[in-house]
Amino acid sequence: MLAMKRKQIKKLSQQVEHFNKAEMNCLIREFYKLLRESSDPGRDVQGLDRVEFKSILVNTFGMTADRLMNRVFRAFDKDNDGFVTINEWIEGLALFLRGSLEEKIKYCFHVYDLNDDGYITKDEMIRMLDCSLMEDPTDEDSYDGIRNLVELTLRKMDVDHDGRLSYQDFEKAVKEENLLLEAFGTCLPDITSIAVFEQRVFQEHL
C-alpha cells in the first residue's frame, strides 16, 4: 500500500461505520491498486475517473446499463470533480456492501432522479428502463412494454397520485415491498458480487 498518514485512516474510520479497521485498510489498498492499474505512467491524480470507475462497475459488480452507471458515478463523486477519491471510494462502498435499507433507499432515489429535482418522473422511468431492458431501440413493442411497466409501477408506488414519485412515495413503497428498491434498473451489486468482492479484497490484502 502507498504510504498513508494514520491521521487520514483514522478520519475515514470515524466517517464510515460499516467497516472495521482491518477492512478499511484492505479497501484502501484495493483503491490504490486499481489506481495504479488504470492510470497512465506519470499521471498524477488521486482518484478514479468516470471511465475507470464504470469499468469496475461492469467487471466487479456486473452492471451494464450506461445511464445508470453514470448516475452511480455521480453518487460516489460527491464533490462532482470528475474523480472518485479515496474518501468517496470508502464511503460509497460502505453503502454498496453494508448499507442499511434506509441508506439504500436514499441512494437509489438519488440515482433514479436523473435531473436532481426531487422527483422520479414517467420520462425518467422510461429512460432508465429503456437503457436497462430494451435491446433494440427501434422495437416499438418493447417500447410499449416499458411504458406499460412504468404505468403499473406508478400505480403501485405513487401514493399521492400526482403522476410522479417523491422521495416519500418511493420510501413508503420500498419499505412495504423491498423488491421495489431497484424498480428502475440495477444500481446496487447483488449478494453474489458482494460476497466475491469481499472475499477477494479482504482476504487478498490481509
N, C-alpha and C. Protein backbone atom coordinates (compact mmCIF):
# COMPACT_ATOMS: atom_id res chain seq x y z
N MET A 1 0.85 -1.20 0.00
CA MET A 1 0.00 0.00 0.00
C MET A 1 0.87 1.23 0.00
N LEU A 2 0.43 2.25 -0.74
CA LEU A 2 1.14 3.52 -0.72
C LEU A 2 1.03 4.12 0.68
N ALA A 3 2.06 4.88 1.01
CA ALA A 3 2.07 5.47 2.35
C ALA A 3 0.85 6.35 2.56
N MET A 4 0.20 6.15 3.66
CA MET A 4 -0.94 6.98 4.01
C MET A 4 -0.85 7.35 5.48
N LYS A 5 -1.04 8.60 5.79
CA LYS A 5 -0.93 9.05 7.17
C LYS A 5 -1.98 8.38 8.04
N ARG A 6 -1.57 8.00 9.24
CA ARG A 6 -2.50 7.38 10.18
C ARG A 6 -3.68 8.28 10.47
N LYS A 7 -3.41 9.58 10.43
CA LYS A 7 -4.47 10.55 10.70
C LYS A 7 -5.59 10.43 9.68
N GLN A 8 -5.24 10.22 8.40
CA GLN A 8 -6.25 10.10 7.35
C GLN A 8 -7.06 8.82 7.51
N ILE A 9 -6.37 7.71 7.85
CA ILE A 9 -7.07 6.44 8.07
C ILE A 9 -8.02 6.57 9.25
N LYS A 10 -7.56 7.23 10.31
CA LYS A 10 -8.40 7.42 11.50
C LYS A 10 -9.63 8.25 11.15
N LYS A 11 -9.43 9.28 10.34
CA LYS A 11 -10.55 10.13 9.94
C LYS A 11 -11.57 9.36 9.13
N LEU A 12 -11.09 8.51 8.20
CA LEU A 12 -12.00 7.67 7.42
C LEU A 12 -12.77 6.72 8.32
N SER A 13 -12.08 6.15 9.31
CA SER A 13 -12.72 5.21 10.23
C SER A 13 -13.84 5.89 11.01
N GLN A 14 -13.65 7.15 11.33
CA GLN A 14 -14.67 7.90 12.06
C GLN A 14 -15.86 8.25 11.18
N GLN A 15 -15.61 8.42 9.88
CA GLN A 15 -16.68 8.80 8.96
C GLN A 15 -17.53 7.60 8.54
N VAL A 16 -16.93 6.41 8.48
CA VAL A 16 -17.61 5.23 7.96
C VAL A 16 -17.78 4.20 9.07
N GLU A 17 -19.02 3.82 9.34
CA GLU A 17 -19.30 2.93 10.45
C GLU A 17 -19.28 1.45 10.05
N HIS A 18 -19.39 1.16 8.78
CA HIS A 18 -19.67 -0.21 8.35
C HIS A 18 -18.45 -1.12 8.23
N PHE A 19 -17.25 -0.58 8.36
CA PHE A 19 -16.04 -1.40 8.24
C PHE A 19 -15.19 -1.30 9.49
N ASN A 20 -14.54 -2.42 9.85
CA ASN A 20 -13.57 -2.34 10.94
C ASN A 20 -12.24 -1.84 10.37
N LYS A 21 -11.27 -1.66 11.24
CA LYS A 21 -10.00 -1.06 10.82
C LYS A 21 -9.28 -1.92 9.79
N ALA A 22 -9.29 -3.25 9.98
CA ALA A 22 -8.61 -4.14 9.04
C ALA A 22 -9.27 -4.09 7.67
N GLU A 23 -10.60 -4.07 7.64
CA GLU A 23 -11.32 -3.99 6.37
C GLU A 23 -11.05 -2.65 5.69
N MET A 24 -11.00 -1.60 6.48
CA MET A 24 -10.71 -0.27 5.94
C MET A 24 -9.35 -0.25 5.24
N ASN A 25 -8.37 -0.83 5.89
CA ASN A 25 -7.03 -0.89 5.29
C ASN A 25 -7.03 -1.68 3.99
N CYS A 26 -7.80 -2.77 3.96
CA CYS A 26 -7.89 -3.58 2.74
C CYS A 26 -8.52 -2.79 1.59
N LEU A 27 -9.55 -2.03 1.89
CA LEU A 27 -10.21 -1.24 0.85
C LEU A 27 -9.32 -0.10 0.37
N ILE A 28 -8.53 0.45 1.26
CA ILE A 28 -7.58 1.49 0.86
C ILE A 28 -6.53 0.91 -0.09
N ARG A 29 -6.01 -0.26 0.27
CA ARG A 29 -5.03 -0.91 -0.60
C ARG A 29 -5.63 -1.24 -1.97
N GLU A 30 -6.86 -1.71 -1.98
CA GLU A 30 -7.52 -2.04 -3.25
C GLU A 30 -7.69 -0.80 -4.11
N PHE A 31 -8.02 0.32 -3.49
CA PHE A 31 -8.19 1.57 -4.23
C PHE A 31 -6.89 1.95 -4.94
N TYR A 32 -5.78 1.92 -4.21
CA TYR A 32 -4.50 2.32 -4.82
C TYR A 32 -4.02 1.29 -5.84
N LYS A 33 -4.37 0.04 -5.64
CA LYS A 33 -4.06 -0.98 -6.64
C LYS A 33 -4.81 -0.68 -7.95
N LEU A 34 -6.10 -0.38 -7.85
CA LEU A 34 -6.89 -0.04 -9.03
C LEU A 34 -6.39 1.24 -9.69
N LEU A 35 -5.99 2.20 -8.87
CA LEU A 35 -5.49 3.47 -9.40
C LEU A 35 -4.21 3.26 -10.19
N ARG A 36 -3.32 2.41 -9.69
CA ARG A 36 -2.07 2.12 -10.41
C ARG A 36 -2.35 1.38 -11.71
N GLU A 37 -3.30 0.43 -11.68
CA GLU A 37 -3.59 -0.36 -12.87
C GLU A 37 -4.25 0.47 -13.96
N SER A 38 -5.03 1.48 -13.56
CA SER A 38 -5.80 2.24 -14.55
C SER A 38 -5.10 3.50 -15.03
N SER A 39 -4.14 3.99 -14.28
CA SER A 39 -3.52 5.28 -14.60
C SER A 39 -2.37 5.12 -15.59
N ASP A 40 -2.23 6.12 -16.46
CA ASP A 40 -1.08 6.17 -17.36
C ASP A 40 0.17 6.54 -16.57
N PRO A 41 1.32 6.04 -17.00
CA PRO A 41 2.56 6.39 -16.31
C PRO A 41 2.74 7.91 -16.23
N GLY A 42 3.10 8.37 -15.07
CA GLY A 42 3.33 9.80 -14.89
C GLY A 42 2.08 10.61 -14.63
N ARG A 43 0.92 9.95 -14.68
CA ARG A 43 -0.32 10.68 -14.45
C ARG A 43 -0.51 10.89 -12.95
N ASP A 44 -0.60 12.12 -12.54
CA ASP A 44 -0.67 12.45 -11.12
C ASP A 44 -2.10 12.80 -10.73
N VAL A 45 -2.90 11.80 -10.43
CA VAL A 45 -4.27 12.03 -9.97
C VAL A 45 -4.50 11.22 -8.71
N GLN A 46 -5.47 11.66 -7.93
CA GLN A 46 -5.75 10.98 -6.67
C GLN A 46 -7.13 10.31 -6.69
N GLY A 47 -7.60 9.97 -7.88
CA GLY A 47 -8.91 9.33 -7.94
C GLY A 47 -9.15 8.61 -9.25
N LEU A 48 -10.23 7.84 -9.27
CA LEU A 48 -10.65 7.09 -10.46
C LEU A 48 -11.60 7.96 -11.28
N ASP A 49 -11.33 8.09 -12.58
CA ASP A 49 -12.23 8.90 -13.40
C ASP A 49 -13.46 8.07 -13.80
N ARG A 50 -14.37 8.69 -14.54
CA ARG A 50 -15.65 8.05 -14.88
C ARG A 50 -15.45 6.74 -15.64
N VAL A 51 -14.56 6.74 -16.64
CA VAL A 51 -14.33 5.54 -17.45
C VAL A 51 -13.77 4.41 -16.60
N GLU A 52 -12.78 4.73 -15.77
CA GLU A 52 -12.16 3.73 -14.91
C GLU A 52 -13.16 3.17 -13.90
N PHE A 53 -13.96 4.06 -13.33
CA PHE A 53 -14.93 3.64 -12.33
C PHE A 53 -16.01 2.76 -12.94
N LYS A 54 -16.48 3.13 -14.13
CA LYS A 54 -17.52 2.33 -14.79
C LYS A 54 -16.99 0.95 -15.16
N SER A 55 -15.71 0.86 -15.48
CA SER A 55 -15.10 -0.44 -15.77
C SER A 55 -15.16 -1.34 -14.54
N ILE A 56 -14.96 -0.75 -13.36
CA ILE A 56 -15.07 -1.51 -12.11
C ILE A 56 -16.51 -1.97 -11.90
N LEU A 57 -17.47 -1.10 -12.17
CA LEU A 57 -18.87 -1.47 -12.01
C LEU A 57 -19.24 -2.64 -12.91
N VAL A 58 -18.72 -2.64 -14.13
CA VAL A 58 -19.01 -3.72 -15.08
C VAL A 58 -18.31 -5.01 -14.66
N ASN A 59 -17.01 -4.94 -14.44
CA ASN A 59 -16.20 -6.14 -14.23
C ASN A 59 -16.30 -6.72 -12.83
N THR A 60 -16.58 -5.89 -11.86
CA THR A 60 -16.63 -6.35 -10.47
C THR A 60 -18.06 -6.55 -9.97
N PHE A 61 -18.95 -5.63 -10.36
CA PHE A 61 -20.30 -5.68 -9.81
C PHE A 61 -21.39 -6.01 -10.83
N GLY A 62 -20.99 -6.33 -12.06
CA GLY A 62 -21.92 -6.85 -13.05
C GLY A 62 -22.95 -5.87 -13.58
N MET A 63 -22.69 -4.58 -13.49
CA MET A 63 -23.63 -3.59 -14.02
C MET A 63 -23.39 -3.38 -15.50
N THR A 64 -24.45 -3.06 -16.24
CA THR A 64 -24.32 -2.94 -17.69
C THR A 64 -24.99 -1.69 -18.26
N ALA A 65 -25.97 -1.13 -17.58
CA ALA A 65 -26.72 0.00 -18.13
C ALA A 65 -25.91 1.29 -18.00
N ASP A 66 -25.53 1.86 -19.14
CA ASP A 66 -24.63 3.01 -19.15
C ASP A 66 -25.19 4.21 -18.41
N ARG A 67 -26.46 4.54 -18.64
CA ARG A 67 -27.05 5.72 -17.98
C ARG A 67 -27.04 5.55 -16.47
N LEU A 68 -27.36 4.37 -16.00
CA LEU A 68 -27.38 4.14 -14.56
C LEU A 68 -25.96 4.15 -13.98
N MET A 69 -25.00 3.62 -14.71
CA MET A 69 -23.62 3.66 -14.22
C MET A 69 -23.12 5.09 -14.11
N ASN A 70 -23.54 5.95 -15.02
CA ASN A 70 -23.18 7.37 -14.92
C ASN A 70 -23.75 7.97 -13.64
N ARG A 71 -24.97 7.58 -13.31
CA ARG A 71 -25.59 8.09 -12.09
C ARG A 71 -24.92 7.53 -10.83
N VAL A 72 -24.50 6.26 -10.89
CA VAL A 72 -23.77 5.67 -9.76
C VAL A 72 -22.46 6.43 -9.55
N PHE A 73 -21.79 6.75 -10.65
CA PHE A 73 -20.57 7.54 -10.55
C PHE A 73 -20.85 8.88 -9.88
N ARG A 74 -21.93 9.53 -10.28
CA ARG A 74 -22.30 10.81 -9.67
C ARG A 74 -22.55 10.66 -8.18
N ALA A 75 -23.17 9.54 -7.79
CA ALA A 75 -23.47 9.31 -6.38
C ALA A 75 -22.20 9.12 -5.56
N PHE A 76 -21.20 8.44 -6.14
CA PHE A 76 -19.92 8.27 -5.47
C PHE A 76 -19.14 9.58 -5.44
N ASP A 77 -19.11 10.28 -6.58
CA ASP A 77 -18.32 11.51 -6.74
C ASP A 77 -19.07 12.69 -6.11
N LYS A 78 -19.07 12.73 -4.79
CA LYS A 78 -19.90 13.70 -4.07
C LYS A 78 -19.52 15.16 -4.32
N ASP A 79 -18.23 15.42 -4.55
CA ASP A 79 -17.84 16.82 -4.79
C ASP A 79 -17.89 17.18 -6.27
N ASN A 80 -18.31 16.23 -7.11
CA ASN A 80 -18.53 16.48 -8.54
C ASN A 80 -17.29 17.04 -9.23
N ASP A 81 -16.11 16.49 -8.87
CA ASP A 81 -14.88 16.96 -9.52
C ASP A 81 -14.41 16.04 -10.64
N GLY A 82 -15.19 15.01 -10.94
CA GLY A 82 -14.85 14.10 -12.04
C GLY A 82 -14.00 12.92 -11.63
N PHE A 83 -13.73 12.77 -10.33
CA PHE A 83 -12.94 11.65 -9.82
C PHE A 83 -13.55 11.09 -8.55
N VAL A 84 -13.46 9.77 -8.40
CA VAL A 84 -13.81 9.13 -7.13
C VAL A 84 -12.52 9.03 -6.32
N THR A 85 -12.44 9.81 -5.26
CA THR A 85 -11.24 9.85 -4.41
C THR A 85 -11.29 8.73 -3.38
N ILE A 86 -10.24 8.58 -2.60
CA ILE A 86 -10.17 7.52 -1.61
C ILE A 86 -11.32 7.64 -0.61
N ASN A 87 -11.62 8.86 -0.15
CA ASN A 87 -12.73 9.04 0.80
C ASN A 87 -14.05 8.65 0.16
N GLU A 88 -14.27 9.08 -1.08
CA GLU A 88 -15.52 8.77 -1.76
C GLU A 88 -15.64 7.27 -2.06
N TRP A 89 -14.52 6.63 -2.34
CA TRP A 89 -14.48 5.18 -2.57
C TRP A 89 -14.94 4.43 -1.32
N ILE A 90 -14.37 4.79 -0.17
CA ILE A 90 -14.71 4.12 1.08
C ILE A 90 -16.17 4.37 1.45
N GLU A 91 -16.60 5.62 1.36
CA GLU A 91 -17.98 5.96 1.73
C GLU A 91 -18.98 5.28 0.79
N GLY A 92 -18.66 5.26 -0.50
CA GLY A 92 -19.55 4.61 -1.46
C GLY A 92 -19.64 3.11 -1.25
N LEU A 93 -18.50 2.47 -0.99
CA LEU A 93 -18.51 1.03 -0.77
C LEU A 93 -19.19 0.66 0.54
N ALA A 94 -19.15 1.54 1.52
CA ALA A 94 -19.86 1.29 2.77
C ALA A 94 -21.34 1.07 2.49
N LEU A 95 -21.89 1.91 1.61
CA LEU A 95 -23.29 1.75 1.24
C LEU A 95 -23.48 0.54 0.33
N PHE A 96 -22.63 0.41 -0.68
CA PHE A 96 -22.71 -0.71 -1.63
C PHE A 96 -22.71 -2.06 -0.91
N LEU A 97 -21.78 -2.23 0.02
CA LEU A 97 -21.54 -3.54 0.61
C LEU A 97 -22.31 -3.78 1.92
N ARG A 98 -22.50 -2.72 2.70
CA ARG A 98 -23.03 -2.91 4.05
C ARG A 98 -24.17 -1.94 4.38
N GLY A 99 -24.66 -1.21 3.43
CA GLY A 99 -25.65 -0.17 3.72
C GLY A 99 -26.95 -0.70 4.29
N SER A 100 -27.58 0.10 5.14
CA SER A 100 -28.90 -0.24 5.67
C SER A 100 -29.95 -0.01 4.59
N LEU A 101 -31.15 -0.51 4.81
CA LEU A 101 -32.23 -0.29 3.85
C LEU A 101 -32.49 1.19 3.67
N GLU A 102 -32.50 1.94 4.76
CA GLU A 102 -32.76 3.38 4.69
C GLU A 102 -31.69 4.07 3.84
N GLU A 103 -30.43 3.71 4.03
CA GLU A 103 -29.34 4.29 3.24
C GLU A 103 -29.49 3.95 1.77
N LYS A 104 -29.88 2.72 1.49
CA LYS A 104 -30.03 2.29 0.10
C LYS A 104 -31.24 2.94 -0.57
N ILE A 105 -32.28 3.18 0.18
CA ILE A 105 -33.45 3.88 -0.38
C ILE A 105 -33.06 5.29 -0.82
N LYS A 106 -32.33 6.01 0.04
CA LYS A 106 -31.90 7.37 -0.30
C LYS A 106 -30.98 7.36 -1.52
N TYR A 107 -30.06 6.39 -1.54
CA TYR A 107 -29.12 6.28 -2.65
C TYR A 107 -29.84 5.97 -3.97
N CYS A 108 -30.71 4.96 -3.97
CA CYS A 108 -31.41 4.58 -5.21
C CYS A 108 -32.28 5.71 -5.72
N PHE A 109 -32.97 6.41 -4.81
CA PHE A 109 -33.79 7.53 -5.24
C PHE A 109 -32.93 8.59 -5.92
N HIS A 110 -31.77 8.89 -5.33
CA HIS A 110 -30.85 9.87 -5.91
C HIS A 110 -30.39 9.43 -7.30
N VAL A 111 -30.06 8.15 -7.45
CA VAL A 111 -29.62 7.63 -8.74
C VAL A 111 -30.74 7.77 -9.78
N TYR A 112 -31.96 7.44 -9.41
CA TYR A 112 -33.08 7.45 -10.35
C TYR A 112 -33.61 8.84 -10.67
N ASP A 113 -33.36 9.80 -9.80
CA ASP A 113 -33.81 11.18 -10.03
C ASP A 113 -32.81 11.85 -10.98
N LEU A 114 -32.97 11.59 -12.26
CA LEU A 114 -31.95 11.94 -13.25
C LEU A 114 -31.63 13.43 -13.32
N ASN A 115 -32.62 14.29 -13.10
CA ASN A 115 -32.34 15.73 -13.16
C ASN A 115 -32.24 16.37 -11.78
N ASP A 116 -32.21 15.54 -10.74
CA ASP A 116 -31.99 16.01 -9.37
C ASP A 116 -33.00 17.07 -8.93
N ASP A 117 -34.27 16.89 -9.33
CA ASP A 117 -35.28 17.86 -8.93
C ASP A 117 -36.15 17.38 -7.78
N GLY A 118 -35.83 16.20 -7.23
CA GLY A 118 -36.58 15.69 -6.09
C GLY A 118 -37.73 14.78 -6.45
N TYR A 119 -37.86 14.46 -7.74
CA TYR A 119 -38.94 13.57 -8.20
C TYR A 119 -38.42 12.61 -9.26
N ILE A 120 -39.01 11.42 -9.30
CA ILE A 120 -38.76 10.48 -10.40
C ILE A 120 -40.00 10.54 -11.28
N THR A 121 -39.84 11.05 -12.49
CA THR A 121 -40.98 11.23 -13.39
C THR A 121 -41.14 10.03 -14.32
N LYS A 122 -42.27 10.00 -15.03
CA LYS A 122 -42.51 8.94 -16.01
C LYS A 122 -41.40 8.90 -17.05
N ASP A 123 -41.00 10.07 -17.52
CA ASP A 123 -39.96 10.14 -18.54
C ASP A 123 -38.65 9.55 -18.03
N GLU A 124 -38.31 9.86 -16.79
CA GLU A 124 -37.08 9.32 -16.21
C GLU A 124 -37.17 7.81 -16.06
N MET A 125 -38.31 7.32 -15.64
CA MET A 125 -38.51 5.86 -15.51
C MET A 125 -38.33 5.18 -16.86
N ILE A 126 -38.93 5.75 -17.89
CA ILE A 126 -38.84 5.16 -19.22
C ILE A 126 -37.40 5.16 -19.71
N ARG A 127 -36.70 6.28 -19.51
CA ARG A 127 -35.31 6.38 -19.96
C ARG A 127 -34.42 5.35 -19.26
N MET A 128 -34.64 5.15 -17.96
CA MET A 128 -33.82 4.18 -17.23
C MET A 128 -34.14 2.75 -17.63
N LEU A 129 -35.42 2.43 -17.72
CA LEU A 129 -35.80 1.07 -18.11
C LEU A 129 -35.45 0.80 -19.57
N ASP A 130 -35.50 1.85 -20.39
CA ASP A 130 -35.13 1.73 -21.80
C ASP A 130 -33.68 1.27 -21.94
N CYS A 131 -32.78 1.90 -21.16
CA CYS A 131 -31.36 1.54 -21.28
C CYS A 131 -31.06 0.22 -20.58
N SER A 132 -31.93 -0.21 -19.66
CA SER A 132 -31.70 -1.46 -18.94
C SER A 132 -32.30 -2.68 -19.64
N LEU A 133 -33.49 -2.49 -20.25
CA LEU A 133 -34.25 -3.63 -20.74
C LEU A 133 -34.36 -3.74 -22.25
N MET A 134 -34.26 -2.61 -22.93
CA MET A 134 -34.57 -2.60 -24.36
C MET A 134 -33.34 -2.90 -25.19
N GLU A 135 -33.34 -4.03 -25.86
CA GLU A 135 -32.20 -4.44 -26.68
C GLU A 135 -32.17 -3.72 -28.02
N ASP A 136 -33.34 -3.50 -28.61
CA ASP A 136 -33.44 -2.85 -29.92
C ASP A 136 -34.23 -1.56 -29.79
N PRO A 137 -33.57 -0.39 -29.88
CA PRO A 137 -34.25 0.90 -29.71
C PRO A 137 -35.37 1.13 -30.72
N THR A 138 -35.37 0.41 -31.83
CA THR A 138 -36.40 0.61 -32.86
C THR A 138 -37.59 -0.32 -32.67
N ASP A 139 -37.54 -1.18 -31.68
CA ASP A 139 -38.61 -2.15 -31.43
C ASP A 139 -39.76 -1.47 -30.69
N GLU A 140 -40.84 -1.16 -31.41
CA GLU A 140 -41.97 -0.45 -30.81
C GLU A 140 -42.68 -1.29 -29.76
N ASP A 141 -42.74 -2.61 -29.97
CA ASP A 141 -43.39 -3.48 -28.98
C ASP A 141 -42.67 -3.43 -27.65
N SER A 142 -41.33 -3.45 -27.70
CA SER A 142 -40.55 -3.37 -26.46
C SER A 142 -40.78 -2.02 -25.77
N TYR A 143 -40.83 -0.95 -26.56
CA TYR A 143 -41.04 0.37 -26.00
C TYR A 143 -42.42 0.46 -25.35
N ASP A 144 -43.42 -0.09 -26.02
CA ASP A 144 -44.77 -0.11 -25.45
C ASP A 144 -44.80 -0.92 -24.16
N GLY A 145 -44.04 -2.01 -24.13
CA GLY A 145 -43.97 -2.84 -22.93
C GLY A 145 -43.37 -2.08 -21.76
N ILE A 146 -42.36 -1.28 -22.04
CA ILE A 146 -41.73 -0.48 -21.00
C ILE A 146 -42.71 0.58 -20.48
N ARG A 147 -43.44 1.21 -21.38
CA ARG A 147 -44.43 2.22 -20.96
C ARG A 147 -45.50 1.58 -20.08
N ASN A 148 -45.93 0.38 -20.45
CA ASN A 148 -46.93 -0.32 -19.65
C ASN A 148 -46.37 -0.68 -18.27
N LEU A 149 -45.11 -1.09 -18.24
CA LEU A 149 -44.46 -1.41 -16.97
C LEU A 149 -44.37 -0.17 -16.08
N VAL A 150 -44.06 0.97 -16.68
CA VAL A 150 -44.00 2.23 -15.93
C VAL A 150 -45.36 2.57 -15.34
N GLU A 151 -46.41 2.40 -16.13
CA GLU A 151 -47.76 2.71 -15.65
C GLU A 151 -48.13 1.81 -14.47
N LEU A 152 -47.81 0.53 -14.57
CA LEU A 152 -48.10 -0.41 -13.49
C LEU A 152 -47.31 -0.05 -12.23
N THR A 153 -46.04 0.31 -12.42
CA THR A 153 -45.18 0.66 -11.28
C THR A 153 -45.67 1.93 -10.61
N LEU A 154 -46.07 2.90 -11.41
CA LEU A 154 -46.59 4.15 -10.85
C LEU A 154 -47.85 3.90 -10.03
N ARG A 155 -48.73 3.05 -10.53
CA ARG A 155 -49.96 2.77 -9.79
C ARG A 155 -49.65 2.15 -8.43
N LYS A 156 -48.57 1.39 -8.38
CA LYS A 156 -48.19 0.72 -7.13
C LYS A 156 -47.45 1.65 -6.16
N MET A 157 -46.65 2.57 -6.70
CA MET A 157 -45.75 3.35 -5.86
C MET A 157 -46.17 4.80 -5.64
N ASP A 158 -47.00 5.34 -6.53
CA ASP A 158 -47.36 6.77 -6.47
C ASP A 158 -48.47 6.99 -5.45
N VAL A 159 -48.06 7.16 -4.19
CA VAL A 159 -49.02 7.24 -3.09
C VAL A 159 -49.96 8.43 -3.22
N ASP A 160 -49.43 9.60 -3.60
CA ASP A 160 -50.28 10.80 -3.68
C ASP A 160 -50.91 11.01 -5.05
N HIS A 161 -50.69 10.06 -5.96
CA HIS A 161 -51.35 10.04 -7.28
C HIS A 161 -51.15 11.33 -8.08
N ASP A 162 -49.90 11.85 -8.08
CA ASP A 162 -49.63 13.04 -8.87
C ASP A 162 -48.86 12.73 -10.15
N GLY A 163 -48.71 11.44 -10.47
CA GLY A 163 -48.08 11.04 -11.72
C GLY A 163 -46.56 11.03 -11.69
N ARG A 164 -45.98 11.12 -10.51
CA ARG A 164 -44.52 11.08 -10.34
C ARG A 164 -44.24 10.59 -8.92
N LEU A 165 -42.99 10.20 -8.68
CA LEU A 165 -42.63 9.69 -7.36
C LEU A 165 -41.80 10.69 -6.59
N SER A 166 -42.30 11.09 -5.43
CA SER A 166 -41.49 11.87 -4.49
C SER A 166 -40.66 10.89 -3.68
N TYR A 167 -39.74 11.42 -2.88
CA TYR A 167 -38.95 10.54 -2.02
C TYR A 167 -39.87 9.79 -1.05
N GLN A 168 -40.89 10.48 -0.54
CA GLN A 168 -41.81 9.86 0.41
C GLN A 168 -42.56 8.69 -0.25
N ASP A 169 -43.00 8.89 -1.50
CA ASP A 169 -43.65 7.80 -2.25
C ASP A 169 -42.73 6.60 -2.37
N PHE A 170 -41.50 6.87 -2.81
CA PHE A 170 -40.53 5.81 -3.06
C PHE A 170 -40.19 5.07 -1.76
N GLU A 171 -39.94 5.82 -0.70
CA GLU A 171 -39.59 5.21 0.58
C GLU A 171 -40.71 4.31 1.10
N LYS A 172 -41.94 4.80 1.05
CA LYS A 172 -43.07 4.03 1.57
C LYS A 172 -43.26 2.74 0.77
N ALA A 173 -43.16 2.84 -0.55
CA ALA A 173 -43.36 1.66 -1.41
C ALA A 173 -42.28 0.62 -1.17
N VAL A 174 -41.02 1.06 -1.06
CA VAL A 174 -39.91 0.12 -0.88
C VAL A 174 -39.98 -0.55 0.50
N LYS A 175 -40.37 0.21 1.52
CA LYS A 175 -40.47 -0.38 2.85
C LYS A 175 -41.58 -1.41 2.92
N GLU A 176 -42.62 -1.23 2.11
CA GLU A 176 -43.70 -2.21 2.06
C GLU A 176 -43.33 -3.41 1.21
N GLU A 177 -42.50 -3.18 0.17
CA GLU A 177 -42.06 -4.25 -0.72
C GLU A 177 -40.63 -3.99 -1.14
N ASN A 178 -39.68 -4.65 -0.47
CA ASN A 178 -38.25 -4.37 -0.67
C ASN A 178 -37.79 -4.59 -2.10
N LEU A 179 -38.46 -5.45 -2.85
CA LEU A 179 -38.06 -5.73 -4.23
C LEU A 179 -38.18 -4.51 -5.14
N LEU A 180 -38.93 -3.50 -4.68
CA LEU A 180 -39.10 -2.28 -5.48
C LEU A 180 -37.90 -1.34 -5.35
N LEU A 181 -36.93 -1.68 -4.51
CA LEU A 181 -35.76 -0.82 -4.31
C LEU A 181 -35.07 -0.49 -5.62
N GLU A 182 -34.90 -1.49 -6.49
CA GLU A 182 -34.26 -1.27 -7.78
C GLU A 182 -35.27 -1.45 -8.91
N ALA A 183 -36.42 -0.82 -8.74
CA ALA A 183 -37.51 -0.96 -9.70
C ALA A 183 -37.16 -0.43 -11.08
N PHE A 184 -36.23 0.53 -11.18
CA PHE A 184 -35.94 1.18 -12.45
C PHE A 184 -34.55 0.85 -12.99
N GLY A 185 -33.97 -0.23 -12.50
CA GLY A 185 -32.68 -0.67 -13.03
C GLY A 185 -31.67 -0.95 -11.94
N THR A 186 -30.70 -1.78 -12.26
CA THR A 186 -29.69 -2.20 -11.29
C THR A 186 -28.69 -1.08 -10.99
N CYS A 187 -28.63 -0.67 -9.74
CA CYS A 187 -27.65 0.34 -9.34
C CYS A 187 -26.96 -0.05 -8.04
N LEU A 188 -27.19 -1.29 -7.60
CA LEU A 188 -26.52 -1.85 -6.44
C LEU A 188 -25.99 -3.23 -6.80
N PRO A 189 -24.89 -3.66 -6.22
CA PRO A 189 -24.38 -5.01 -6.51
C PRO A 189 -25.28 -6.07 -5.87
N ASP A 190 -25.36 -7.24 -6.51
CA ASP A 190 -26.14 -8.32 -5.92
C ASP A 190 -25.33 -9.04 -4.84
N ILE A 191 -25.99 -9.93 -4.13
CA ILE A 191 -25.36 -10.61 -2.99
C ILE A 191 -24.12 -11.38 -3.42
N THR A 192 -24.20 -12.04 -4.58
CA THR A 192 -23.07 -12.82 -5.05
C THR A 192 -21.86 -11.94 -5.34
N SER A 193 -22.08 -10.81 -6.03
CA SER A 193 -20.99 -9.89 -6.34
C SER A 193 -20.35 -9.34 -5.08
N ILE A 194 -21.17 -9.03 -4.09
CA ILE A 194 -20.66 -8.52 -2.82
C ILE A 194 -19.77 -9.57 -2.14
N ALA A 195 -20.27 -10.81 -2.10
CA ALA A 195 -19.52 -11.88 -1.44
C ALA A 195 -18.18 -12.12 -2.12
N VAL A 196 -18.17 -12.14 -3.46
CA VAL A 196 -16.93 -12.36 -4.21
C VAL A 196 -15.96 -11.22 -3.98
N PHE A 197 -16.45 -9.99 -4.01
CA PHE A 197 -15.59 -8.82 -3.80
C PHE A 197 -14.99 -8.84 -2.41
N GLU A 198 -15.82 -9.06 -1.39
CA GLU A 198 -15.32 -9.05 -0.02
C GLU A 198 -14.32 -10.18 0.22
N GLN A 199 -14.61 -11.35 -0.30
CA GLN A 199 -13.70 -12.47 -0.11
C GLN A 199 -12.34 -12.18 -0.75
N ARG A 200 -12.38 -11.64 -1.96
CA ARG A 200 -11.14 -11.36 -2.67
C ARG A 200 -10.36 -10.23 -2.00
N VAL A 201 -10.99 -9.13 -1.74
CA VAL A 201 -10.29 -7.94 -1.24
C VAL A 201 -9.86 -8.12 0.21
N PHE A 202 -10.74 -8.59 1.05
CA PHE A 202 -10.41 -8.70 2.47
C PHE A 202 -9.42 -9.82 2.74
N GLN A 203 -9.47 -10.90 1.96
CA GLN A 203 -8.52 -11.98 2.17
C GLN A 203 -7.18 -11.70 1.48
N GLU A 204 -7.26 -11.12 0.26
CA GLU A 204 -6.05 -10.86 -0.51
C GLU A 204 -5.12 -9.89 0.17
N HIS A 205 -5.70 -8.90 0.86
CA HIS A 205 -4.87 -7.84 1.44
C HIS A 205 -4.56 -8.03 2.92
N LEU A 206 -5.13 -9.06 3.53
CA LEU A 206 -4.83 -9.28 4.95
C LEU A 206 -3.48 -9.94 5.13
